[in-house]
Amino acid sequence: PAARSTRTIVISGVPAGLLQDDVMADILTIHFQMSRNNGGDVEEVTYPTQNKGVAYITFEDQEVVENVLSKDQHLLQDKRLPRLYPLSVTRCCQHVSSSLINLTV
């Protein structure tokens, strides 16, 4: 299988503090498994992370990463959320510069 880093995406814009962390991780998993979001089988969701509102999603298949990144806009939607939340989706790299992370907060 492809290296883990190539199968992982970074999500920012996750609404922090609204729901319990495990509930939010579930909502993220569902979102990125849905075909209408160009998703696929999720291997692991890492949330929360050291950065507020940031999650990591690792897919079982690298192709899904490309599909997810090709979608214009990801809107996180769930009946437990008060509104739609636009998510920023970027590919994971091993060395994410701290300046990049600061911009998305």
Protein backbone atom coordinates (compact mmCIF):
# COMPACT_ATOMS: atom_id res chain seq x y z
CA PRO A 1 0.00 0.00 0.00
CA ALA A 2 1.00 3.60 -0.52
CA ALA A 3 2.87 5.36 2.27
CA ARG A 4 0.64 6.66 5.00
CA SER A 5 1.57 10.28 4.31
CA THR A 6 0.33 10.03 0.73
CA ARG A 7 -3.01 8.65 1.92
CA THR A 8 -3.60 11.40 4.48
CA ILE A 9 -5.29 14.77 4.10
CA VAL A 10 -5.32 17.72 6.47
CA ILE A 11 -8.69 19.27 7.27
CA SER A 12 -8.94 22.74 8.73
CA GLY A 13 -12.04 24.69 9.67
CA VAL A 14 -13.46 21.93 11.87
CA PRO A 15 -15.88 23.64 14.28
CA ALA A 16 -14.07 23.14 17.59
CA GLY A 17 -15.86 23.08 20.91
CA LEU A 18 -19.38 22.53 19.57
CA LEU A 19 -19.59 18.79 20.09
CA GLN A 20 -17.62 16.13 21.89
CA ASP A 21 -14.42 15.25 20.08
CA ASP A 22 -15.43 11.67 19.35
CA VAL A 23 -18.76 12.85 17.90
CA MET A 24 -16.95 15.32 15.66
CA ALA A 25 -14.55 12.59 14.54
CA ASP A 26 -17.58 10.46 13.59
CA ILE A 27 -19.11 13.32 11.60
CA LEU A 28 -15.82 13.81 9.75
CA THR A 29 -15.58 10.09 9.02
CA ILE A 30 -19.10 10.03 7.58
CA HIS A 31 -18.43 13.12 5.46
CA PHE A 32 -15.27 11.70 3.90
CA GLN A 33 -16.80 8.29 3.27
CA MET A 34 -19.69 9.72 1.24
CA SER A 35 -19.43 9.33 -2.51
CA ARG A 36 -21.04 12.74 -3.02
CA ASN A 37 -18.02 14.24 -1.28
CA ASN A 38 -15.73 12.20 -3.55
CA GLY A 39 -14.87 10.18 -0.46
CA GLY A 40 -13.99 6.58 0.17
CA ASP A 41 -12.97 4.15 2.86
CA VAL A 42 -11.47 5.96 5.83
CA GLU A 43 -8.72 4.14 7.67
CA GLU A 44 -8.31 6.60 10.52
CA VAL A 45 -9.42 10.02 11.69
CA THR A 46 -7.06 11.95 13.94
CA TYR A 47 -9.04 14.50 15.89
CA PRO A 48 -8.49 16.54 17.93
CA THR A 49 -4.92 17.48 17.05
CA GLN A 50 -2.51 20.01 18.52
CA ASN A 51 -3.97 22.65 16.23
CA LYS A 52 -7.46 23.87 17.00
CA GLY A 53 -9.98 23.00 14.32
CA VAL A 54 -7.56 20.73 12.45
CA ALA A 55 -8.06 17.03 11.76
CA TYR A 56 -6.16 14.41 9.78
CA ILE A 57 -7.98 11.83 7.69
CA THR A 58 -6.14 8.76 6.42
CA PHE A 59 -7.81 6.85 3.61
CA GLU A 60 -7.26 3.22 2.72
CA ASP A 61 -6.64 4.15 -0.92
CA GLN A 62 -4.44 6.94 -2.23
CA GLU A 63 -6.83 7.52 -5.15
CA VAL A 64 -9.46 8.76 -2.73
CA VAL A 65 -7.09 11.54 -1.64
CA GLU A 66 -6.92 12.84 -5.21
CA ASN A 67 -10.70 12.63 -5.57
CA VAL A 68 -11.33 14.46 -2.31
CA LEU A 69 -8.83 17.18 -3.21
CA SER A 70 -10.46 17.62 -6.62
CA LYS A 71 -13.82 18.56 -5.10
CA ASP A 72 -14.34 22.32 -5.15
CA GLN A 73 -15.82 22.72 -1.73
CA HIS A 74 -16.36 20.53 1.30
CA LEU A 75 -19.23 21.59 3.52
CA LEU A 76 -19.52 19.73 6.79
CA GLN A 77 -23.18 19.01 7.38
CA ASP A 78 -24.83 17.07 10.18
CA LYS A 79 -28.08 17.37 12.07
CA ARG A 80 -26.04 17.85 15.25
CA LEU A 81 -24.35 20.94 13.79
CA PRO A 82 -26.14 24.30 13.81
CA ARG A 83 -25.09 25.17 10.26
CA LEU A 84 -22.85 24.17 7.38
CA TYR A 85 -19.14 24.53 7.96
CA PRO A 86 -16.79 24.97 5.00
CA LEU A 87 -13.70 22.82 5.37
CA SER A 88 -10.30 23.47 3.91
CA VAL A 89 -8.76 20.25 2.60
CA THR A 90 -5.07 19.96 1.77
CA ARG A 91 -2.74 17.06 1.15
CA CYS A 92 -0.60 15.98 4.03
CA CYS A 93 3.08 16.55 3.88
CA GLN A 94 5.53 15.41 6.47
CA HIS A 95 6.82 18.90 7.05
CA VAL A 96 3.88 21.24 7.34
CA SER A 97 5.33 24.67 7.95
CA SER A 98 4.09 26.33 11.10
CA SER A 99 3.35 29.53 9.18
CA LEU A 100 0.90 27.62 6.99
CA ILE A 101 -0.95 26.29 10.02
CA ASN A 102 -1.15 29.74 11.59
CA LEU A 103 -2.84 31.13 8.50
CA THR A 104 -5.72 28.67 8.67
CA VAL A 105 -6.63 29.36 12.30
